[in-house]
Amino acid sequence: MAILVNENTKVIIQGITGKQGVFHTQKMLEYGVKVVGGVTPGKGGQRVFHVPVFDTVKEARRDTNCNASMILVPPPFVLDAAAEAIENGIELIVIITEHV
């Protein structure tokens, strides 16, 4: 099995301000994951556990040089979130949304 996440992985959380986003961000930070940003449209400029929130993946990628994204958005928004990550050069995408 390949190791996909290492000390050089910089993760953004798409849906960081939602209930699941906040929960998983906190756990990831506790475990030492480099969470460098989050994305929630319309909530750019906020922070979640010191992590900056951006309106778009493009802004997050530009400002953080992230190379991975965890998608924690409701099922109707997963396809658009994944497409946005792919279009902006994110190398690793993890989707944990239920019923997808």
N, C-alpha and C. Protein backbone atom coordinates (compact mmCIF):
# COMPACT_ATOMS: atom_id res chain seq x y z
N MET A 1 0.84 -1.18 0.00
CA MET A 1 0.00 0.00 0.00
C MET A 1 0.89 1.24 0.00
N ALA A 2 0.59 2.15 -0.86
CA ALA A 2 1.37 3.38 -0.98
C ALA A 2 1.05 4.35 0.15
N ILE A 3 2.06 5.09 0.55
CA ILE A 3 1.86 6.15 1.53
C ILE A 3 1.56 7.42 0.76
N LEU A 4 0.38 7.95 0.95
CA LEU A 4 -0.06 9.11 0.18
C LEU A 4 0.11 10.43 0.91
N VAL A 5 0.19 10.38 2.24
CA VAL A 5 0.34 11.58 3.05
C VAL A 5 1.62 11.46 3.85
N ASN A 6 2.43 12.52 3.81
CA ASN A 6 3.68 12.52 4.58
C ASN A 6 3.92 13.92 5.13
N GLU A 7 5.13 14.16 5.62
CA GLU A 7 5.44 15.45 6.25
C GLU A 7 5.40 16.62 5.27
N ASN A 8 5.38 16.34 3.98
CA ASN A 8 5.33 17.41 2.97
C ASN A 8 3.92 17.71 2.48
N THR A 9 2.94 16.98 2.97
CA THR A 9 1.56 17.16 2.53
C THR A 9 0.95 18.37 3.21
N LYS A 10 0.39 19.26 2.40
CA LYS A 10 -0.29 20.46 2.90
C LYS A 10 -1.76 20.34 2.51
N VAL A 11 -2.62 20.21 3.51
CA VAL A 11 -4.02 19.89 3.29
C VAL A 11 -4.91 21.11 3.45
N ILE A 12 -5.90 21.22 2.55
CA ILE A 12 -7.00 22.15 2.77
C ILE A 12 -8.26 21.32 3.03
N ILE A 13 -9.20 21.92 3.74
CA ILE A 13 -10.46 21.28 4.04
C ILE A 13 -11.56 22.04 3.30
N GLN A 14 -12.19 21.38 2.33
CA GLN A 14 -13.32 21.99 1.63
C GLN A 14 -14.56 21.70 2.46
N GLY A 15 -15.18 22.77 2.98
CA GLY A 15 -16.30 22.63 3.90
C GLY A 15 -15.86 22.76 5.34
N ILE A 16 -14.79 23.50 5.57
CA ILE A 16 -14.17 23.60 6.90
C ILE A 16 -15.08 24.21 7.96
N THR A 17 -16.03 25.06 7.59
CA THR A 17 -16.84 25.73 8.60
C THR A 17 -18.09 24.94 8.99
N GLY A 18 -18.36 23.84 8.32
CA GLY A 18 -19.50 22.99 8.68
C GLY A 18 -19.18 22.13 9.89
N LYS A 19 -20.20 21.45 10.40
CA LYS A 19 -20.05 20.62 11.59
C LYS A 19 -18.95 19.57 11.41
N GLN A 20 -19.00 18.83 10.32
CA GLN A 20 -17.98 17.80 10.06
C GLN A 20 -16.62 18.42 9.78
N GLY A 21 -16.61 19.55 9.09
CA GLY A 21 -15.36 20.23 8.80
C GLY A 21 -14.63 20.66 10.06
N VAL A 22 -15.37 21.25 10.98
CA VAL A 22 -14.78 21.69 12.26
C VAL A 22 -14.27 20.48 13.04
N PHE A 23 -15.09 19.43 13.12
CA PHE A 23 -14.70 18.23 13.87
C PHE A 23 -13.42 17.61 13.31
N HIS A 24 -13.40 17.36 12.01
CA HIS A 24 -12.25 16.68 11.41
C HIS A 24 -11.01 17.57 11.37
N THR A 25 -11.19 18.87 11.22
CA THR A 25 -10.05 19.78 11.27
C THR A 25 -9.38 19.70 12.63
N GLN A 26 -10.17 19.74 13.68
CA GLN A 26 -9.61 19.66 15.03
C GLN A 26 -8.84 18.35 15.23
N LYS A 27 -9.42 17.24 14.82
CA LYS A 27 -8.75 15.94 14.98
C LYS A 27 -7.46 15.88 14.15
N MET A 28 -7.50 16.37 12.93
CA MET A 28 -6.31 16.35 12.08
C MET A 28 -5.19 17.19 12.68
N LEU A 29 -5.54 18.36 13.21
CA LEU A 29 -4.53 19.21 13.85
C LEU A 29 -3.94 18.51 15.07
N GLU A 30 -4.79 17.85 15.86
CA GLU A 30 -4.32 17.12 17.03
C GLU A 30 -3.32 16.02 16.65
N TYR A 31 -3.52 15.42 15.50
CA TYR A 31 -2.64 14.34 15.04
C TYR A 31 -1.44 14.85 14.26
N GLY A 32 -1.33 16.16 14.10
CA GLY A 32 -0.14 16.72 13.47
C GLY A 32 -0.21 16.91 11.97
N VAL A 33 -1.39 16.77 11.38
CA VAL A 33 -1.53 16.99 9.94
C VAL A 33 -1.36 18.48 9.66
N LYS A 34 -0.67 18.81 8.58
CA LYS A 34 -0.48 20.21 8.18
C LYS A 34 -1.74 20.70 7.46
N VAL A 35 -2.71 21.16 8.23
CA VAL A 35 -3.90 21.76 7.65
C VAL A 35 -3.58 23.23 7.44
N VAL A 36 -3.41 23.62 6.18
CA VAL A 36 -2.93 24.97 5.87
C VAL A 36 -4.05 25.93 5.48
N GLY A 37 -5.25 25.42 5.30
CA GLY A 37 -6.35 26.29 4.92
C GLY A 37 -7.64 25.52 4.79
N GLY A 38 -8.70 26.28 4.64
CA GLY A 38 -10.01 25.69 4.42
C GLY A 38 -10.76 26.51 3.40
N VAL A 39 -11.79 25.92 2.82
CA VAL A 39 -12.58 26.61 1.80
C VAL A 39 -14.06 26.48 2.14
N THR A 40 -14.72 27.61 2.27
CA THR A 40 -16.16 27.69 2.34
C THR A 40 -16.57 28.97 1.62
N PRO A 41 -17.27 28.85 0.49
CA PRO A 41 -17.67 30.05 -0.25
C PRO A 41 -18.44 31.03 0.63
N GLY A 42 -18.05 32.30 0.56
CA GLY A 42 -18.71 33.34 1.34
C GLY A 42 -18.17 33.52 2.74
N LYS A 43 -17.23 32.68 3.16
CA LYS A 43 -16.70 32.78 4.52
C LYS A 43 -15.20 33.05 4.54
N GLY A 44 -14.65 33.47 3.40
CA GLY A 44 -13.24 33.81 3.32
C GLY A 44 -12.89 34.89 4.33
N GLY A 45 -11.72 34.77 4.93
CA GLY A 45 -11.27 35.73 5.93
C GLY A 45 -11.48 35.25 7.36
N GLN A 46 -12.34 34.26 7.54
CA GLN A 46 -12.53 33.70 8.87
C GLN A 46 -11.39 32.75 9.19
N ARG A 47 -11.39 32.23 10.41
CA ARG A 47 -10.41 31.22 10.82
C ARG A 47 -11.14 30.14 11.60
N VAL A 48 -10.67 28.91 11.46
CA VAL A 48 -11.15 27.78 12.24
C VAL A 48 -9.92 27.15 12.88
N PHE A 49 -9.81 27.23 14.21
CA PHE A 49 -8.62 26.73 14.92
C PHE A 49 -7.34 27.31 14.31
N HIS A 50 -7.28 28.58 14.10
CA HIS A 50 -6.16 29.33 13.53
C HIS A 50 -5.95 29.08 12.04
N VAL A 51 -6.72 28.20 11.44
CA VAL A 51 -6.58 27.86 10.02
C VAL A 51 -7.37 28.88 9.19
N PRO A 52 -6.72 29.55 8.22
CA PRO A 52 -7.43 30.55 7.42
C PRO A 52 -8.46 29.91 6.48
N VAL A 53 -9.58 30.60 6.33
CA VAL A 53 -10.65 30.15 5.45
C VAL A 53 -10.65 31.02 4.19
N PHE A 54 -10.78 30.37 3.04
CA PHE A 54 -10.81 31.04 1.74
C PHE A 54 -12.15 30.80 1.08
N ASP A 55 -12.49 31.67 0.13
CA ASP A 55 -13.74 31.52 -0.61
C ASP A 55 -13.65 30.47 -1.71
N THR A 56 -12.46 30.24 -2.24
CA THR A 56 -12.28 29.30 -3.35
C THR A 56 -11.01 28.47 -3.16
N VAL A 57 -10.97 27.33 -3.83
CA VAL A 57 -9.76 26.51 -3.83
C VAL A 57 -8.63 27.26 -4.52
N LYS A 58 -8.96 28.00 -5.56
CA LYS A 58 -7.93 28.77 -6.27
C LYS A 58 -7.20 29.71 -5.32
N GLU A 59 -7.95 30.44 -4.48
CA GLU A 59 -7.34 31.35 -3.50
C GLU A 59 -6.50 30.57 -2.49
N ALA A 60 -7.04 29.45 -2.01
CA ALA A 60 -6.32 28.64 -1.02
C ALA A 60 -5.02 28.10 -1.60
N ARG A 61 -5.08 27.62 -2.83
CA ARG A 61 -3.88 27.07 -3.48
C ARG A 61 -2.83 28.15 -3.69
N ARG A 62 -3.28 29.31 -4.13
CA ARG A 62 -2.35 30.42 -4.37
C ARG A 62 -1.65 30.84 -3.08
N ASP A 63 -2.39 30.92 -1.99
CA ASP A 63 -1.83 31.45 -0.74
C ASP A 63 -1.14 30.40 0.14
N THR A 64 -1.45 29.12 -0.04
CA THR A 64 -0.90 28.10 0.85
C THR A 64 -0.03 27.06 0.15
N ASN A 65 -0.09 27.01 -1.17
CA ASN A 65 0.61 25.98 -1.94
C ASN A 65 0.20 24.57 -1.50
N CYS A 66 -1.08 24.41 -1.18
CA CYS A 66 -1.59 23.11 -0.75
C CYS A 66 -1.50 22.09 -1.89
N ASN A 67 -1.38 20.81 -1.50
CA ASN A 67 -1.32 19.76 -2.50
C ASN A 67 -2.30 18.62 -2.22
N ALA A 68 -3.16 18.80 -1.22
CA ALA A 68 -4.17 17.80 -0.90
C ALA A 68 -5.42 18.49 -0.38
N SER A 69 -6.56 17.85 -0.60
CA SER A 69 -7.81 18.39 -0.10
C SER A 69 -8.66 17.28 0.50
N MET A 70 -9.26 17.57 1.64
CA MET A 70 -10.28 16.69 2.20
C MET A 70 -11.61 17.38 1.98
N ILE A 71 -12.52 16.69 1.34
CA ILE A 71 -13.82 17.27 1.01
C ILE A 71 -14.85 16.80 2.03
N LEU A 72 -15.45 17.76 2.71
CA LEU A 72 -16.44 17.50 3.76
C LEU A 72 -17.67 18.37 3.52
N VAL A 73 -18.26 18.20 2.36
CA VAL A 73 -19.44 18.99 2.00
C VAL A 73 -20.62 18.04 1.84
N PRO A 74 -21.86 18.56 1.90
CA PRO A 74 -23.04 17.71 1.70
C PRO A 74 -23.03 17.06 0.31
N PRO A 75 -23.66 15.89 0.18
CA PRO A 75 -23.65 15.15 -1.08
C PRO A 75 -23.95 15.95 -2.35
N PRO A 76 -24.92 16.87 -2.34
CA PRO A 76 -25.20 17.59 -3.59
C PRO A 76 -24.04 18.47 -4.08
N PHE A 77 -23.07 18.75 -3.22
CA PHE A 77 -21.99 19.66 -3.58
C PHE A 77 -20.64 18.96 -3.80
N VAL A 78 -20.60 17.65 -3.62
CA VAL A 78 -19.33 16.92 -3.73
C VAL A 78 -18.73 17.01 -5.13
N LEU A 79 -19.53 16.82 -6.16
CA LEU A 79 -19.00 16.83 -7.52
C LEU A 79 -18.35 18.17 -7.84
N ASP A 80 -19.03 19.27 -7.52
CA ASP A 80 -18.46 20.59 -7.78
C ASP A 80 -17.19 20.83 -6.96
N ALA A 81 -17.20 20.39 -5.71
CA ALA A 81 -16.01 20.57 -4.86
C ALA A 81 -14.83 19.78 -5.41
N ALA A 82 -15.07 18.55 -5.82
CA ALA A 82 -13.99 17.73 -6.38
C ALA A 82 -13.48 18.32 -7.69
N ALA A 83 -14.39 18.77 -8.54
CA ALA A 83 -13.99 19.38 -9.81
C ALA A 83 -13.15 20.62 -9.57
N GLU A 84 -13.53 21.44 -8.58
CA GLU A 84 -12.77 22.64 -8.28
C GLU A 84 -11.35 22.28 -7.82
N ALA A 85 -11.24 21.25 -7.00
CA ALA A 85 -9.92 20.81 -6.54
C ALA A 85 -9.07 20.32 -7.71
N ILE A 86 -9.66 19.51 -8.57
CA ILE A 86 -8.93 18.98 -9.73
C ILE A 86 -8.49 20.10 -10.65
N GLU A 87 -9.40 21.02 -10.95
CA GLU A 87 -9.10 22.14 -11.85
C GLU A 87 -7.98 23.03 -11.33
N ASN A 88 -7.78 23.02 -10.02
CA ASN A 88 -6.75 23.87 -9.43
C ASN A 88 -5.49 23.10 -9.05
N GLY A 89 -5.32 21.91 -9.59
CA GLY A 89 -4.07 21.18 -9.46
C GLY A 89 -3.84 20.46 -8.15
N ILE A 90 -4.90 20.20 -7.40
CA ILE A 90 -4.73 19.45 -6.15
C ILE A 90 -4.39 18.00 -6.50
N GLU A 91 -3.31 17.49 -5.94
CA GLU A 91 -2.79 16.16 -6.30
C GLU A 91 -3.51 15.01 -5.61
N LEU A 92 -4.00 15.23 -4.40
CA LEU A 92 -4.65 14.18 -3.63
C LEU A 92 -5.97 14.72 -3.10
N ILE A 93 -7.05 14.01 -3.35
CA ILE A 93 -8.38 14.42 -2.90
C ILE A 93 -8.98 13.26 -2.10
N VAL A 94 -9.42 13.57 -0.89
CA VAL A 94 -10.08 12.58 -0.04
C VAL A 94 -11.50 13.07 0.19
N ILE A 95 -12.47 12.22 -0.12
CA ILE A 95 -13.89 12.57 0.06
C ILE A 95 -14.47 11.62 1.09
N ILE A 96 -14.96 12.17 2.20
CA ILE A 96 -15.55 11.29 3.22
C ILE A 96 -17.03 11.56 3.42
N THR A 97 -17.63 12.28 2.52
CA THR A 97 -19.06 12.56 2.58
C THR A 97 -19.85 11.25 2.49
N GLU A 98 -20.84 11.10 3.34
CA GLU A 98 -21.68 9.90 3.31
C GLU A 98 -22.60 9.90 2.09
N HIS A 99 -22.98 8.72 1.67
CA HIS A 99 -23.98 8.50 0.60
C HIS A 99 -23.53 9.02 -0.75
N VAL A 100 -22.24 9.00 -0.99
CA VAL A 100 -21.73 9.43 -2.30
C VAL A 100 -21.17 8.22 -3.03
